[in-house]
Amino acid sequence: MTRAVATAAIVMSLVVCTVVPSGAADDSKVKAATGRVESGARQIGDGKLADGVEETAKGIGHTVVEGAKLGAQKIQESGQAAEPEATRAGASVRDGAVSFGSSVMTFVRRMFTR
């Protein structure tokens, strides 16, 4: 049973490590939490089952929380990066609508003035 628990803890730590987003944002807290998972898995492997499971569970919890925070931060950064594009697109649509409106007004005026 101890071997099965150790294997499960190691597999969980690997899954958490691959799920955590990576990038330019500060991921030191995520790495620290992942280190806790690994530390807990080592304790389980050393025969300290209760301490290892507790450390692994806390590490997984902290990894999920910090990974979510990091993900939210990256989404916010990407939204801010896309903002100028959206502004230019909106201005382009507005300019097109104004141009179309001017063309329609010119057409109507020409039709009724002759």
Protein backbone atom coordinates (compact mmCIF):
# COMPACT_ATOMS: atom_id res chain seq x y z
CA MET A 1 0.00 0.00 0.00
CA THR A 2 2.84 2.39 0.78
CA ARG A 3 4.26 1.92 -2.69
CA ALA A 4 0.84 2.63 -4.24
CA VAL A 5 0.46 5.83 -2.21
CA ALA A 6 3.97 6.95 -3.13
CA THR A 7 3.31 6.25 -6.79
CA ALA A 8 0.01 8.14 -6.64
CA ALA A 9 1.70 11.12 -4.99
CA ILE A 10 4.43 11.23 -7.61
CA VAL A 11 1.91 10.96 -10.44
CA MET A 12 -0.18 13.75 -8.89
CA SER A 13 2.87 15.98 -8.56
CA LEU A 14 3.77 15.40 -12.21
CA VAL A 15 0.21 16.16 -13.30
CA VAL A 16 0.16 19.36 -11.28
CA CYS A 17 3.54 20.40 -12.70
CA THR A 18 2.31 20.00 -16.27
CA VAL A 19 -1.02 21.73 -15.67
CA VAL A 20 0.50 24.85 -14.17
CA PRO A 21 0.77 27.58 -16.79
CA SER A 22 4.23 28.83 -17.65
CA GLY A 23 5.38 32.14 -19.03
CA ALA A 24 6.96 35.46 -18.29
CA ALA A 25 4.78 36.16 -15.27
CA ASP A 26 6.24 35.61 -11.80
CA ASP A 27 5.79 31.92 -11.14
CA SER A 28 8.03 31.60 -8.08
CA LYS A 29 5.07 30.90 -5.76
CA VAL A 30 3.86 28.14 -8.05
CA LYS A 31 7.33 26.60 -8.13
CA ALA A 32 7.55 26.77 -4.33
CA ALA A 33 4.19 25.02 -3.98
CA THR A 34 5.25 22.39 -6.51
CA GLY A 35 8.37 21.86 -4.43
CA ARG A 36 6.12 21.10 -1.46
CA VAL A 37 4.38 18.40 -3.47
CA GLU A 38 7.71 16.86 -4.39
CA SER A 39 8.90 17.07 -0.78
CA GLY A 40 5.77 15.28 0.40
CA ALA A 41 6.23 12.58 -2.22
CA ARG A 42 9.82 12.05 -1.02
CA GLN A 43 8.61 11.76 2.58
CA ILE A 44 6.12 9.10 1.53
CA GLY A 45 8.90 7.26 -0.25
CA ASP A 46 11.02 7.43 2.91
CA GLY A 47 8.26 5.76 4.93
CA LYS A 48 6.87 8.89 6.62
CA LEU A 49 3.39 8.23 5.27
CA ALA A 50 1.29 10.58 7.43
CA ASP A 51 3.66 13.56 7.11
CA GLY A 52 4.21 12.91 3.41
CA VAL A 53 0.52 12.72 2.53
CA GLU A 54 -0.20 15.89 4.52
CA GLU A 55 2.66 17.78 2.84
CA THR A 56 1.64 16.53 -0.60
CA ALA A 57 -2.00 17.51 -0.08
CA LYS A 58 -1.04 20.99 1.13
CA GLY A 59 1.37 21.36 -1.76
CA ILE A 60 -1.27 20.38 -4.29
CA GLY A 61 -3.72 22.86 -2.75
CA HIS A 62 -1.18 25.68 -2.82
CA THR A 63 -0.14 24.77 -6.37
CA VAL A 64 -3.73 24.95 -7.58
CA VAL A 65 -4.34 28.30 -5.86
CA GLU A 66 -1.11 29.89 -7.06
CA GLY A 67 -1.57 28.43 -10.55
CA ALA A 68 -5.04 29.98 -10.74
CA LYS A 69 -3.66 33.35 -9.63
CA LEU A 70 -0.89 33.12 -12.21
CA GLY A 71 -3.39 32.13 -14.91
CA ALA A 72 -5.61 35.09 -14.05
CA GLN A 73 -2.61 37.41 -14.17
CA LYS A 74 -1.60 36.09 -17.60
CA ILE A 75 -5.16 36.49 -18.92
CA GLN A 76 -5.24 40.06 -17.64
CA GLU A 77 -1.88 40.81 -19.29
CA SER A 78 -3.04 39.38 -22.60
CA GLY A 79 -6.25 41.43 -22.41
CA GLN A 80 -4.23 44.58 -21.86
CA ALA A 81 -1.98 43.68 -24.78
CA ALA A 82 -5.02 43.23 -27.06
CA GLU A 83 -6.62 46.51 -26.00
CA PRO A 84 -4.86 48.73 -28.61
CA GLU A 85 -5.93 46.32 -31.39
CA ALA A 86 -9.55 46.51 -30.22
CA THR A 87 -9.37 50.31 -30.10
CA ARG A 88 -8.00 50.46 -33.65
CA ALA A 89 -10.67 48.03 -34.87
CA GLY A 90 -13.40 50.11 -33.25
CA ALA A 91 -12.06 53.28 -34.82
CA SER A 92 -11.91 51.58 -38.20
CA VAL A 93 -15.54 50.45 -37.93
CA ARG A 94 -16.59 53.93 -36.88
CA ASP A 95 -14.71 55.51 -39.79
CA GLY A 96 -16.33 53.06 -42.21
CA ALA A 97 -19.80 53.85 -40.85
CA VAL A 98 -19.19 57.60 -41.15
CA SER A 99 -17.94 57.18 -44.71
CA PHE A 100 -20.96 55.05 -45.64
CA GLY A 101 -23.32 57.61 -44.09
CA SER A 102 -21.66 60.41 -46.03
CA SER A 103 -21.97 58.45 -49.26
CA VAL A 104 -25.68 57.84 -48.68
CA MET A 105 -26.30 61.51 -47.87
CA THR A 106 -24.46 62.59 -51.03
CA PHE A 107 -26.45 60.11 -53.13
CA VAL A 108 -29.80 61.32 -51.73
CA ARG A 109 -28.90 65.01 -52.18
CA ARG A 110 -27.85 64.45 -55.78
CA MET A 111 -31.03 62.53 -56.50
CA PHE A 112 -33.35 65.27 -55.27
CA THR A 113 -31.41 68.37 -56.38
CA ARG A 114 -31.48 67.64 -60.12
